[in-house]
């Protein structure tokens, strides 16, 4: 069996279908696609050979995603007093309502005292 640059064997029709479904499903792992195929979970997905599970697609999108990125630059300086620098984050559409029937909450973190208010 010879292997092309794409990382898939040349002599199987299923390998090109696997590559196509890999791209259609947002670059999902080959093992997951073959599993969905054999279980019949996805309508229109052809039955794929289980021997293709071990073949990882080599596509540009996957390679770029796995590249390391440069570290963040260090911040200018820590806050010198309370409330000089406050970090905020909002969490929206919680899976379940709070006791007060709220679906959102806000988190505030003071950089100087590390006081957390939610």
Protein backbone atom coordinates (compact mmCIF):
# COMPACT_ATOMS: atom_id res chain seq x y z
CA UNK A 1 0.00 0.00 0.00
CA UNK A 2 1.49 3.35 -0.99
CA UNK A 3 0.74 6.56 0.83
CA UNK A 4 0.16 9.94 -0.85
CA UNK A 5 1.22 13.34 0.50
CA UNK A 6 -2.25 13.77 1.98
CA UNK A 7 -1.50 10.93 4.40
CA UNK A 8 -4.09 8.56 2.95
CA UNK A 9 -3.41 5.31 1.11
CA UNK A 10 -3.72 5.58 -2.68
CA UNK A 11 -5.39 2.28 -3.33
CA UNK A 12 -8.61 2.69 -1.32
CA UNK A 13 -11.67 4.61 -2.33
CA UNK A 14 -12.57 5.02 1.34
CA UNK A 15 -9.45 7.03 2.10
CA UNK A 16 -10.59 9.93 -0.09
CA UNK A 17 -14.07 9.72 1.44
CA UNK A 18 -12.50 9.79 4.90
CA UNK A 19 -10.53 12.90 3.95
CA UNK A 20 -13.70 14.54 2.61
CA UNK A 21 -15.66 13.75 5.78
CA UNK A 22 -12.70 14.85 7.90
CA UNK A 23 -13.00 18.31 6.33
CA UNK A 24 -16.82 18.36 6.40
CA UNK A 25 -16.90 17.54 10.10
CA UNK A 26 -14.55 20.33 11.15
CA UNK A 27 -11.35 18.24 11.07
CA UNK A 28 -12.67 15.52 13.37
CA UNK A 29 -10.31 12.62 14.15
CA UNK A 30 -10.34 9.67 11.74
CA UNK A 31 -11.20 7.26 14.54
CA UNK A 32 -14.36 9.23 15.39
CA UNK A 33 -15.47 9.44 11.75
CA UNK A 34 -15.00 5.70 11.22
CA UNK A 35 -16.85 5.01 14.48
CA UNK A 36 -19.81 7.16 13.37
CA UNK A 37 -19.74 5.40 10.01
CA UNK A 38 -19.87 1.88 11.44
CA UNK A 39 -22.61 2.80 13.95
CA UNK A 40 -24.66 4.59 11.29
CA UNK A 41 -24.96 7.77 13.39
CA UNK A 42 -24.64 10.26 10.51
CA UNK A 43 -27.11 10.12 7.65
CA UNK A 44 -25.33 10.06 4.29
CA UNK A 45 -21.96 9.01 5.73
CA UNK A 46 -20.83 5.90 3.81
CA UNK A 47 -19.61 2.78 5.61
CA UNK A 48 -15.83 3.16 5.99
CA UNK A 49 -13.26 0.44 6.57
CA UNK A 50 -12.15 0.19 10.23
CA UNK A 51 -8.52 -0.19 9.13
CA UNK A 52 -8.60 3.54 8.28
CA UNK A 53 -8.93 4.50 11.97
CA UNK A 54 -5.18 4.64 12.45
CA UNK A 55 -4.60 6.95 9.49
CA UNK A 56 -4.45 10.54 10.66
CA UNK A 57 -5.27 13.06 7.93
CA UNK A 58 -2.47 15.50 7.16
CA UNK A 59 -4.30 18.61 6.12
CA UNK A 60 -3.17 22.22 6.31
CA UNK A 61 -5.88 23.21 8.80
CA UNK A 62 -4.90 20.48 11.26
CA UNK A 63 -1.20 21.25 10.97
CA UNK A 64 -1.73 24.98 11.54
CA UNK A 65 -3.96 24.32 14.55
CA UNK A 66 -1.32 22.14 16.17
CA UNK A 67 1.47 24.68 15.75
CA UNK A 68 2.81 26.27 18.90
CA UNK A 69 2.17 29.94 19.29
CA UNK A 70 4.39 32.53 20.88
CA UNK A 71 3.85 33.21 24.59
CA UNK A 72 1.99 36.31 25.67
CA UNK A 73 4.09 39.33 26.53
CA UNK A 74 4.31 40.00 30.25
CA UNK A 75 1.85 42.56 31.55
CA UNK A 76 3.09 46.07 32.26
CA UNK A 77 2.91 45.85 36.06
CA UNK A 78 0.74 44.72 38.91
CA UNK A 79 -1.77 47.17 40.31
CA UNK A 80 -0.44 49.44 43.05
CA UNK A 81 -3.72 49.91 44.89
CA UNK A 82 -7.18 48.40 45.25
CA UNK A 83 -9.42 48.80 42.16
CA UNK A 84 -6.60 50.24 40.06
CA UNK A 85 -6.88 47.28 37.69
CA UNK A 86 -9.97 45.05 37.64
CA UNK A 87 -10.40 42.00 35.40
CA UNK A 88 -13.95 41.13 34.32
CA UNK A 89 -15.62 38.13 32.72
CA UNK A 90 -19.26 37.46 31.96
CA UNK A 91 -20.71 33.98 31.72
CA UNK A 92 -23.86 33.83 29.68
CA UNK A 93 -26.69 31.41 29.14
CA UNK A 94 -26.07 28.99 31.96
CA UNK A 95 -27.31 25.43 31.54
CA UNK A 96 -29.61 25.84 34.51
CA UNK A 97 -31.09 28.88 36.20
CA UNK A 98 -29.74 30.06 39.52
CA UNK A 99 -31.89 30.25 42.64
CA UNK A 100 -32.68 33.85 41.68
CA UNK A 101 -33.65 32.68 38.14
CA UNK A 102 -30.61 34.36 36.55
CA UNK A 103 -29.01 32.99 33.39
CA UNK A 104 -25.95 35.28 33.41
CA UNK A 105 -23.30 36.17 35.96
CA UNK A 106 -20.36 38.57 36.11
CA UNK A 107 -17.01 37.83 37.73
CA UNK A 108 -14.79 40.71 38.91
CA UNK A 109 -11.21 40.12 40.10
CA UNK A 110 -9.20 42.92 41.69
CA UNK A 111 -5.57 42.69 40.53
CA UNK A 112 -4.10 44.14 43.75
CA UNK A 113 -6.04 42.24 46.44
CA UNK A 114 -7.10 39.28 44.26
CA UNK A 115 -10.59 39.75 45.67
CA UNK A 116 -13.13 37.86 43.55
CA UNK A 117 -16.71 39.10 43.33
CA UNK A 118 -19.29 37.08 41.39
